[in-house]
């Protein structure tokens, strides 16, 4: 468990301050100097010899570690009256304080904000609230109920991005021309299942086939009679359709393949036969991306590097790029330990972090970033690309009705939040979760909505 004392101690670390500087530099494309003196952060932004300084008080920092999950809000009206500036939502969130004397004070080119947003950003982007929390979930995943974001449904808002957006407006209003980010979207597909029988490991195949002979004999007979016809008509065989849809919208589908097995119950999905290799080659030939989907216990059994090297070897033999990104199976991730392993292996990015129950902004952001290892005091060399929505979060865990547009409305609401801050909406939809036309329709409606926003002038 990260203590309040340890957290306060590391804030003065030079490497951590460099990391903070990188976060802001990537967002604004300007020089940023970070200082931590007299127990508070100071950010100095500069471009073309024009300097703006923003000081943050330490208000809120101690509250991050309180079990009360206290928070307050600064309304859009209050901010407008004080600064004349806009924010992307109806208020800004101040986690860690129940009441606060809000102010933003300006003296020449120096601003003072009475909240420790920089510390909150460090705390949230690096998921410190997750460390050593014992999960009650059957897959040992960090649960939304244990997060401060559960209160007032804050998981549906990119709180960090909203603050960064506001800071960007301070800079623009002060004459510093910083980058204004534009909304984008991406889709990925965890290939948990390719076929019910074809290329399935022998032990799994025998188990499934015997069960089907008793309960679904027509299915088993269909496979024995004509395997090509069987595969062409399997609900999991949506690969060509998914690529067709992505190409219609000018985006790249990312297909994440499981390289190994560490759990008979949750893995053992397929072997890398010529059949599977041809599928992977087809995906690459059409200009889409092949990535890695680690086995169920890859992280806990320290198998990440082994599985990473196995899939890279297969892709190398197929002359497919091996600078992989990917995702953990069942979204099982132990934030610091898993990311350390991914960084050591050399993985390009990870697209796991979301709330499996609801989707949303588990990291408070929809922008990619590299995390900071607060114990080793170093930047981990793997990029976090926050996952914003998984189809299972909406239709299975949250049980939102697909038939009355509630599911579409729910996803649209989250997409809009990404759009407001000029961030990236990341959608996961498993290739074997299109058994109904209604699901295909919902998938296309989401991408159509994203495409419309992507072609809309950012405000």
Protein backbone atom coordinates (compact mmCIF):
# COMPACT_ATOMS: atom_id res chain seq x y z
CA UNK A 1 0.00 0.00 0.00
CA UNK A 2 1.35 3.41 -0.97
CA UNK A 3 1.32 5.62 2.11
CA UNK A 4 0.68 9.35 2.19
CA UNK A 5 4.18 9.91 3.59
CA UNK A 6 5.90 7.95 0.82
CA UNK A 7 3.85 9.69 -1.84
CA UNK A 8 4.81 13.10 -0.48
CA UNK A 9 8.47 12.07 -0.40
CA UNK A 10 8.67 11.01 -4.05
CA UNK A 11 7.13 14.24 -5.36
CA UNK A 12 10.53 15.91 -5.10
CA UNK A 13 12.18 13.17 -7.19
CA UNK A 14 13.85 14.52 -10.35
CA UNK A 15 12.79 11.53 -12.47
CA UNK A 16 9.16 11.95 -11.45
CA UNK A 17 9.27 15.66 -12.31
CA UNK A 18 10.74 14.77 -15.71
CA UNK A 19 7.81 12.38 -16.21
CA UNK A 20 5.30 15.14 -15.38
CA UNK A 21 7.08 17.39 -17.85
CA UNK A 22 6.81 14.75 -20.57
CA UNK A 23 3.05 14.35 -19.98
CA UNK A 24 2.43 18.07 -20.48
CA UNK A 25 4.91 18.37 -23.33
CA UNK A 26 3.17 15.59 -25.24
CA UNK A 27 -0.20 17.26 -24.76
CA UNK A 28 0.81 20.82 -25.59
CA UNK A 29 3.94 20.46 -27.77
CA UNK A 30 5.74 23.22 -25.86
CA UNK A 31 8.57 23.31 -23.35
CA UNK A 32 7.58 22.61 -19.75
CA UNK A 33 9.75 22.90 -16.65
CA UNK A 34 8.48 21.20 -13.47
CA UNK A 35 9.57 22.25 -10.00
CA UNK A 36 8.55 21.01 -6.57
CA UNK A 37 9.52 23.47 -3.86
CA UNK A 38 7.99 24.43 -0.53
CA UNK A 39 5.73 21.36 -0.81
CA UNK A 40 3.94 22.46 -3.97
CA UNK A 41 4.26 22.07 -7.74
CA UNK A 42 5.16 24.83 -10.14
CA UNK A 43 4.89 24.42 -13.93
CA UNK A 44 6.72 26.84 -16.19
CA UNK A 45 5.52 26.78 -19.80
CA UNK A 46 7.52 28.50 -22.51
CA UNK A 47 7.42 29.08 -26.22
CA UNK A 48 9.32 31.61 -28.31
CA UNK A 49 10.73 33.23 -25.13
CA UNK A 50 7.23 33.74 -23.72
CA UNK A 51 6.81 32.25 -20.22
CA UNK A 52 3.72 31.37 -18.19
CA UNK A 53 4.03 30.00 -14.65
CA UNK A 54 1.27 28.03 -12.93
CA UNK A 55 1.57 27.25 -9.21
CA UNK A 56 -0.58 24.62 -7.51
CA UNK A 57 -1.17 24.60 -3.77
CA UNK A 58 -1.08 21.32 -1.83
CA UNK A 59 -4.85 21.31 -1.21
CA UNK A 60 -6.32 17.86 -1.69
CA UNK A 61 -3.14 15.79 -1.60
CA UNK A 62 -3.66 14.27 1.83
CA UNK A 63 -7.26 13.47 0.91
CA UNK A 64 -6.17 11.03 -1.79
CA UNK A 65 -5.39 8.53 0.95
CA UNK A 66 -8.56 9.00 2.98
CA UNK A 67 -11.19 6.24 2.98
CA UNK A 68 -13.89 8.90 2.83
CA UNK A 69 -13.32 9.57 -0.91
CA UNK A 70 -14.11 13.24 -0.39
CA UNK A 71 -14.50 15.50 -3.38
CA UNK A 72 -15.87 18.83 -4.46
CA UNK A 73 -16.51 20.60 -7.74
CA UNK A 74 -15.79 23.94 -9.36
CA UNK A 75 -18.68 24.91 -11.60
CA UNK A 76 -18.32 26.16 -15.13
CA UNK A 77 -19.95 29.41 -14.03
CA UNK A 78 -17.45 29.93 -11.20
CA UNK A 79 -14.52 29.32 -13.53
CA UNK A 80 -15.94 31.62 -16.17
CA UNK A 81 -16.53 34.40 -13.64
CA UNK A 82 -13.01 34.05 -12.23
CA UNK A 83 -11.04 33.50 -15.42
CA UNK A 84 -13.33 33.98 -18.42
CA UNK A 85 -12.19 30.55 -19.63
CA UNK A 86 -14.10 27.46 -20.77
CA UNK A 87 -13.95 23.87 -19.50
CA UNK A 88 -15.16 20.77 -21.36
CA UNK A 89 -17.77 19.71 -18.78
CA UNK A 90 -20.15 21.33 -16.33
CA UNK A 91 -17.45 21.43 -13.64
CA UNK A 92 -13.93 20.45 -12.68
CA UNK A 93 -13.47 17.66 -10.14
CA UNK A 94 -11.34 18.25 -7.04
CA UNK A 95 -10.78 14.86 -5.46
CA UNK A 96 -9.45 14.82 -1.90
CA UNK A 97 -11.27 17.86 -0.51
CA UNK A 98 -14.87 18.20 0.68
CA UNK A 99 -14.85 21.99 0.69
CA UNK A 100 -12.40 24.40 -0.84
CA UNK A 101 -11.98 28.12 -1.23
CA UNK A 102 -11.58 27.98 -4.98
CA UNK A 103 -9.46 30.62 -6.59
CA UNK A 104 -7.17 31.14 -9.50
CA UNK A 105 -4.98 34.15 -8.90
CA UNK A 106 -3.01 35.95 -11.59
CA UNK A 107 -0.04 38.20 -11.03
CA UNK A 108 1.65 39.26 -14.26
CA UNK A 109 2.44 35.95 -16.04
CA UNK A 110 2.03 33.80 -12.92
CA UNK A 111 -1.14 31.93 -12.00
CA UNK A 112 -1.91 30.18 -8.72
CA UNK A 113 -4.54 27.42 -8.52
CA UNK A 114 -5.76 26.40 -5.08
CA UNK A 115 -5.70 22.65 -5.75
CA UNK A 116 -2.92 20.10 -6.17
CA UNK A 117 -3.91 18.81 -9.59
CA UNK A 118 -0.37 17.71 -10.51
CA UNK A 119 -0.25 15.31 -7.54
CA UNK A 120 -3.70 14.00 -8.46
CA UNK A 121 -2.51 13.39 -12.01
CA UNK A 122 0.50 11.43 -10.72
CA UNK A 123 -1.72 9.45 -8.35
CA UNK A 124 -4.37 8.62 -10.94
CA UNK A 125 -2.33 7.96 -14.08
CA UNK A 126 -0.19 5.54 -12.09
CA UNK A 127 -3.22 3.94 -10.41
CA UNK A 128 -1.85 4.20 -6.88
CA UNK A 129 -5.25 3.41 -5.40
CA UNK A 130 -4.95 -0.11 -6.85
CA UNK A 131 -1.72 -1.12 -5.17
CA UNK A 132 -2.15 -4.11 -2.83
CA UNK A 133 -5.95 -3.95 -2.95
CA UNK A 134 -7.42 -7.41 -2.47
CA UNK A 135 -10.02 -8.00 -5.15
CA UNK A 136 -13.25 -9.90 -4.57
CA UNK A 137 -13.74 -10.40 -8.31
CA UNK A 138 -13.61 -14.03 -9.47
CA UNK A 139 -10.85 -13.10 -11.92
CA UNK A 140 -8.97 -11.02 -9.32
CA UNK A 141 -9.49 -7.78 -11.23
CA UNK A 142 -9.53 -4.38 -9.58
CA UNK A 143 -13.18 -3.45 -9.15
CA UNK A 144 -14.90 -0.16 -9.75
CA UNK A 145 -16.48 -0.22 -6.28
CA UNK A 146 -12.98 0.07 -4.79
CA UNK A 147 -12.14 3.17 -6.82
CA UNK A 148 -12.72 6.81 -5.95
CA UNK A 149 -14.17 7.08 -9.46
CA UNK A 150 -17.22 5.07 -8.40
CA UNK A 151 -18.60 8.10 -6.58
CA UNK A 152 -20.91 10.26 -8.72
CA UNK A 153 -20.06 8.02 -11.72
CA UNK A 154 -16.76 9.81 -12.21
CA UNK A 155 -15.51 6.79 -14.18
CA UNK A 156 -17.58 8.17 -17.07
CA UNK A 157 -15.40 11.31 -17.22
CA UNK A 158 -11.73 11.80 -18.19
CA UNK A 159 -10.99 13.93 -15.12
CA UNK A 160 -7.27 14.34 -15.83
CA UNK A 161 -7.93 15.37 -19.41
CA UNK A 162 -10.53 17.92 -18.33
CA UNK A 163 -7.95 19.63 -16.11
CA UNK A 164 -5.28 19.52 -18.80
CA UNK A 165 -7.77 21.03 -21.25
CA UNK A 166 -8.41 23.86 -18.77
CA UNK A 167 -4.68 24.47 -18.31
CA UNK A 168 -4.34 24.58 -22.09
CA UNK A 169 -6.97 27.29 -22.21
CA UNK A 170 -5.00 29.30 -19.64
CA UNK A 171 -1.95 29.08 -21.90
CA UNK A 172 -3.87 30.01 -25.05
CA UNK A 173 -5.50 32.98 -23.31
CA UNK A 174 -2.06 34.08 -22.14
CA UNK A 175 -0.61 34.13 -25.63
CA UNK A 176 1.14 30.73 -25.71
CA UNK A 177 0.17 28.85 -28.84
CA UNK A 178 0.00 25.25 -27.62
CA UNK A 179 -1.21 22.20 -29.53
CA UNK A 180 -4.96 21.57 -29.53
CA UNK A 181 -5.62 17.85 -29.68
CA UNK A 182 -8.15 16.35 -32.08
CA UNK A 183 -10.53 13.47 -31.40
CA UNK A 184 -9.70 10.06 -32.85
CA UNK A 185 -10.91 6.50 -32.40
CA UNK A 186 -9.63 2.95 -32.74
CA UNK A 187 -11.00 -0.60 -32.65
CA UNK A 188 -9.44 -3.86 -31.50
CA UNK A 189 -10.53 -7.47 -31.28
CA UNK A 190 -9.37 -10.07 -28.75
CA UNK A 191 -9.23 -13.33 -30.69
CA UNK A 192 -10.34 -15.60 -27.87
CA UNK A 193 -11.92 -18.00 -30.33
CA UNK A 194 -11.28 -18.70 -34.00
CA UNK A 195 -13.32 -21.87 -34.46
CA UNK A 196 -15.13 -24.28 -32.21
CA UNK A 197 -13.16 -27.24 -33.55
CA UNK A 198 -10.61 -26.22 -36.19
CA UNK A 199 -7.05 -25.88 -34.84
CA UNK A 200 -8.31 -26.33 -31.27
CA UNK A 201 -5.86 -28.20 -28.97
CA UNK A 202 -6.61 -31.92 -28.84
CA UNK A 203 -7.71 -32.09 -25.20
CA UNK A 204 -10.11 -29.20 -25.67
CA UNK A 205 -11.35 -30.54 -29.00
CA UNK A 206 -12.21 -33.96 -27.58
CA UNK A 207 -14.04 -32.41 -24.65
CA UNK A 208 -16.11 -30.09 -26.84
CA UNK A 209 -16.79 -32.67 -29.53
CA UNK A 210 -18.07 -35.31 -27.11
CA UNK A 211 -20.33 -32.78 -25.39
CA UNK A 212 -21.71 -31.69 -28.75
CA UNK A 213 -22.33 -35.27 -29.91
CA UNK A 214 -24.65 -35.63 -26.93
CA UNK A 215 -26.24 -32.19 -26.81
CA UNK A 216 -25.78 -30.70 -30.29
CA UNK A 217 -25.22 -33.62 -32.69
CA UNK A 218 -26.04 -31.56 -35.79
CA UNK A 219 -23.15 -29.23 -34.99
CA UNK A 220 -20.67 -32.09 -34.71
CA UNK A 221 -21.95 -33.77 -37.87
CA UNK A 222 -21.75 -30.50 -39.80
CA UNK A 223 -18.05 -30.23 -38.91
CA UNK A 224 -17.33 -33.80 -40.01
CA UNK A 225 -19.26 -33.40 -43.26
CA UNK A 226 -17.79 -30.15 -44.60
CA UNK A 227 -15.19 -28.27 -42.56
CA UNK A 228 -14.97 -25.30 -44.93
CA UNK A 229 -18.72 -24.78 -44.86
CA UNK A 230 -18.65 -25.22 -41.10
CA UNK A 231 -16.04 -22.51 -40.58
CA UNK A 232 -17.58 -20.13 -43.12
CA UNK A 233 -20.81 -20.17 -41.12
CA UNK A 234 -19.38 -20.00 -37.58
CA UNK A 235 -20.41 -16.96 -35.55
CA UNK A 236 -16.76 -16.44 -34.57
CA UNK A 237 -15.66 -16.12 -38.20
CA UNK A 238 -16.13 -12.37 -38.53
CA UNK A 239 -12.58 -11.50 -39.57
CA UNK A 240 -13.32 -10.45 -43.15
CA UNK A 241 -16.44 -8.58 -42.09
CA UNK A 242 -14.57 -6.68 -39.36
CA UNK A 243 -11.84 -5.67 -41.80
CA UNK A 244 -14.44 -4.63 -44.37
CA UNK A 245 -16.14 -2.37 -41.80
CA UNK A 246 -12.85 -0.84 -40.65
CA UNK A 247 -11.78 -0.17 -44.22
CA UNK A 248 -15.11 1.56 -44.87
CA UNK A 249 -14.25 4.03 -42.09
CA UNK A 250 -10.57 4.30 -42.95
CA UNK A 251 -9.32 2.76 -39.71
CA UNK A 252 -7.14 -0.21 -38.82
CA UNK A 253 -8.52 -3.18 -36.92
CA UNK A 254 -6.17 -4.65 -34.33
CA UNK A 255 -6.46 -8.42 -33.79
CA UNK A 256 -4.83 -9.72 -30.61
CA UNK A 257 -3.94 -13.44 -30.66
CA UNK A 258 -3.33 -15.70 -27.64
CA UNK A 259 0.17 -17.23 -27.93
CA UNK A 260 0.05 -19.83 -25.13
CA UNK A 261 -2.01 -21.53 -22.42
CA UNK A 262 -1.71 -21.25 -18.65
CA UNK A 263 -5.28 -22.25 -17.72
CA UNK A 264 -7.26 -25.16 -19.18
CA UNK A 265 -10.53 -23.44 -18.31
CA UNK A 266 -9.73 -20.02 -19.76
CA UNK A 267 -7.10 -20.74 -22.43
CA UNK A 268 -6.45 -23.64 -24.83
CA UNK A 269 -8.33 -21.79 -27.56
CA UNK A 270 -6.26 -22.64 -30.68
CA UNK A 271 -2.91 -23.92 -31.92
CA UNK A 272 -0.80 -22.10 -34.48
CA UNK A 273 -1.51 -24.46 -37.36
CA UNK A 274 -1.23 -23.46 -41.02
CA UNK A 275 -4.94 -22.61 -40.87
CA UNK A 276 -4.35 -20.02 -38.14
CA UNK A 277 -1.17 -18.73 -39.76
CA UNK A 278 -3.02 -18.14 -43.04
CA UNK A 279 -5.62 -16.13 -41.14
CA UNK A 280 -2.91 -14.01 -39.49
CA UNK A 281 -1.19 -13.47 -42.84
CA UNK A 282 -4.48 -12.39 -44.41
CA UNK A 283 -4.99 -9.79 -41.69
CA UNK A 284 -1.52 -8.39 -42.29
CA UNK A 285 -1.89 -8.42 -46.08
CA UNK A 286 -5.04 -6.31 -45.79
CA UNK A 287 -3.14 -3.68 -43.80
CA UNK A 288 -4.53 -4.44 -40.35
CA UNK A 289 -2.56 -5.05 -37.17
CA UNK A 290 -1.69 -8.29 -35.41
CA UNK A 291 -0.97 -8.07 -31.69
CA UNK A 292 -0.74 -10.17 -28.57
CA UNK A 293 -3.41 -11.30 -26.12
CA UNK A 294 -1.64 -12.90 -23.18
CA UNK A 295 -2.86 -16.11 -21.58
CA UNK A 296 -4.96 -16.02 -18.42
CA UNK A 297 -2.10 -16.40 -15.92
CA UNK A 298 0.71 -14.89 -18.00
CA UNK A 299 1.35 -12.05 -15.58
CA UNK A 300 0.95 -13.91 -12.27
CA UNK A 301 3.18 -16.77 -13.53
CA UNK A 302 5.74 -14.38 -15.04
CA UNK A 303 5.20 -15.81 -18.51
CA UNK A 304 4.81 -12.52 -20.35
CA UNK A 305 8.27 -12.43 -21.90
CA UNK A 306 8.06 -16.10 -22.94
CA UNK A 307 4.68 -15.60 -24.63
CA UNK A 308 5.85 -12.36 -26.21
CA UNK A 309 8.86 -14.08 -27.77
CA UNK A 310 6.74 -17.01 -28.97
CA UNK A 311 4.31 -14.86 -30.93
CA UNK A 312 7.10 -12.67 -32.27
CA UNK A 313 8.84 -15.78 -33.62
CA UNK A 314 5.65 -16.88 -35.40
CA UNK A 315 5.11 -13.43 -36.89
CA UNK A 316 8.74 -13.14 -37.94
CA UNK A 317 8.45 -16.41 -39.87
CA UNK A 318 5.42 -14.92 -41.64
CA UNK A 319 7.31 -11.66 -42.40
CA UNK A 320 4.88 -9.69 -40.24
CA UNK A 321 6.01 -6.72 -38.07
CA UNK A 322 6.89 -7.75 -34.53
CA UNK A 323 6.71 -4.39 -32.73
CA UNK A 324 3.58 -5.60 -30.98
CA UNK A 325 0.95 -4.04 -28.84
CA UNK A 326 -1.69 -6.01 -27.03
CA UNK A 327 -3.96 -6.68 -24.11
CA UNK A 328 -4.27 -8.97 -21.09
CA UNK A 329 -6.82 -11.82 -21.16
CA UNK A 330 -10.04 -11.03 -19.24
CA UNK A 331 -8.54 -7.56 -18.68
CA UNK A 332 -6.52 -9.08 -15.81
CA UNK A 333 -3.76 -6.64 -14.97
CA UNK A 334 -1.76 -6.00 -11.83
CA UNK A 335 -0.88 -2.44 -12.71
CA UNK A 336 2.75 -2.13 -11.68
CA UNK A 337 3.85 -5.78 -11.87
CA UNK A 338 2.25 -6.47 -15.25
CA UNK A 339 3.55 -3.27 -16.81
CA UNK A 340 7.04 -3.93 -15.51
CA UNK A 341 7.01 -7.29 -17.30
CA UNK A 342 5.67 -5.74 -20.50
CA UNK A 343 8.34 -3.05 -20.37
CA UNK A 344 11.09 -5.62 -19.86
CA UNK A 345 9.78 -7.73 -22.75
CA UNK A 346 9.82 -4.73 -25.04
CA UNK A 347 6.13 -4.48 -25.83
CA UNK A 348 5.14 -1.30 -27.66
CA UNK A 349 1.84 -0.57 -25.90
CA UNK A 350 -0.83 -2.09 -23.68
CA UNK A 351 -4.57 -1.58 -24.23
CA UNK A 352 -5.99 -3.27 -21.12
CA UNK A 353 -6.86 -0.57 -18.63
CA UNK A 354 -10.59 -0.02 -18.28
CA UNK A 355 -13.27 -0.96 -15.76
CA UNK A 356 -14.45 -4.39 -16.88
CA UNK A 357 -17.87 -3.85 -15.28
CA UNK A 358 -18.76 -0.61 -17.06
CA UNK A 359 -16.01 0.63 -19.31
CA UNK A 360 -14.94 4.22 -18.79
CA UNK A 361 -11.87 6.15 -17.74
CA UNK A 362 -10.02 4.00 -15.20
CA UNK A 363 -6.90 6.15 -15.57
CA UNK A 364 -8.80 9.43 -15.77
CA UNK A 365 -7.61 9.87 -19.35
CA UNK A 366 -8.20 8.76 -22.93
CA UNK A 367 -4.70 9.80 -24.05
CA UNK A 368 -1.73 7.41 -24.36
CA UNK A 369 1.16 7.78 -21.91
CA UNK A 370 4.03 5.87 -20.34
CA UNK A 371 3.58 5.13 -16.61
CA UNK A 372 6.00 5.93 -13.81
CA UNK A 373 7.31 3.22 -11.47
CA UNK A 374 7.07 5.01 -8.13
CA UNK A 375 9.20 2.41 -6.30
CA UNK A 376 12.07 2.22 -8.78
CA UNK A 377 11.61 5.91 -9.65
CA UNK A 378 11.78 5.40 -13.38
CA UNK A 379 9.58 5.66 -16.46
CA UNK A 380 8.39 2.29 -17.74
CA UNK A 381 9.09 1.76 -21.42
CA UNK A 382 5.60 0.63 -22.43
CA UNK A 383 2.81 2.95 -23.50
CA UNK A 384 -0.58 2.72 -21.84
CA UNK A 385 -3.36 3.20 -24.34
CA UNK A 386 -6.46 3.32 -22.16
CA UNK A 387 -9.27 1.02 -23.23
CA UNK A 388 -12.50 3.00 -22.99
CA UNK A 389 -15.27 0.49 -23.83
CA UNK A 390 -15.47 -3.29 -24.19
CA UNK A 391 -18.68 -4.73 -25.63
CA UNK A 392 -18.92 -7.14 -22.69
CA UNK A 393 -18.81 -4.28 -20.19
CA UNK A 394 -21.97 -2.84 -21.71
CA UNK A 395 -23.96 -5.88 -22.79
CA UNK A 396 -22.84 -8.50 -20.25
CA UNK A 397 -21.59 -6.96 -17.01
CA UNK A 398 -23.80 -3.85 -17.07
CA UNK A 399 -26.66 -5.72 -18.78
CA UNK A 400 -27.69 -2.67 -20.77
CA UNK A 401 -30.49 -3.53 -23.20
CA UNK A 402 -29.36 -3.68 -26.81
CA UNK A 403 -32.90 -3.62 -28.19
CA UNK A 404 -34.05 -0.13 -27.16
CA UNK A 405 -30.94 1.95 -28.04
CA UNK A 406 -29.86 2.19 -24.38
CA UNK A 407 -26.56 0.51 -25.17
CA UNK A 408 -25.90 2.86 -28.08
CA UNK A 409 -26.80 5.87 -25.94
CA UNK A 410 -24.46 4.69 -23.16
CA UNK A 411 -21.49 4.29 -25.52
CA UNK A 412 -22.23 7.58 -27.29
CA UNK A 413 -22.14 9.36 -23.93
CA UNK A 414 -18.63 8.03 -23.31
CA UNK A 415 -17.48 8.79 -26.85
CA UNK A 416 -18.63 12.40 -26.42
CA UNK A 417 -16.43 12.71 -23.33
CA UNK A 418 -13.40 11.69 -25.42
CA UNK A 419 -14.42 14.14 -28.13
CA UNK A 420 -14.76 17.07 -25.72
CA UNK A 421 -11.12 16.80 -24.66
CA UNK A 422 -9.76 15.91 -28.10
CA UNK A 423 -8.80 12.41 -26.94
CA UNK A 424 -8.92 8.88 -28.33
CA UNK A 425 -11.89 6.55 -27.99
CA UNK A 426 -10.73 2.93 -27.87
CA UNK A 427 -13.30 0.18 -28.48
CA UNK A 428 -12.79 -3.54 -27.90
CA UNK A 429 -15.24 -5.91 -29.58
CA UNK A 430 -14.42 -9.63 -29.60
CA UNK A 431 -14.62 -11.29 -33.00
CA UNK A 432 -16.90 -14.02 -31.58
CA UNK A 433 -19.44 -11.59 -30.08
CA UNK A 434 -21.50 -10.96 -33.21
CA UNK A 435 -23.93 -13.84 -33.01
CA UNK A 436 -26.89 -11.53 -33.72
CA UNK A 437 -27.50 -8.93 -36.41
CA UNK A 438 -28.42 -6.51 -33.63
CA UNK A 439 -24.85 -6.65 -32.31
CA UNK A 440 -23.44 -6.02 -35.76
CA UNK A 441 -25.79 -3.09 -36.14
CA UNK A 442 -24.74 -1.63 -32.78
CA UNK A 443 -21.05 -2.01 -33.67
CA UNK A 444 -21.54 -0.18 -36.97
CA UNK A 445 -23.62 2.53 -35.31
CA UNK A 446 -20.82 3.22 -32.81
CA UNK A 447 -18.21 3.50 -35.57
CA UNK A 448 -20.50 5.67 -37.67
CA UNK A 449 -20.98 8.02 -34.71
CA UNK A 450 -17.22 8.17 -34.11
CA UNK A 451 -16.60 8.81 -37.80
CA UNK A 452 -19.09 11.69 -37.79
CA UNK A 453 -17.37 13.27 -34.78
CA UNK A 454 -13.96 12.70 -36.31
CA UNK A 455 -15.00 14.77 -39.31
CA UNK A 456 -16.55 17.49 -37.16
CA UNK A 457 -14.55 20.62 -36.38
CA UNK A 458 -13.23 20.43 -32.82
CA UNK A 459 -14.67 23.08 -30.51
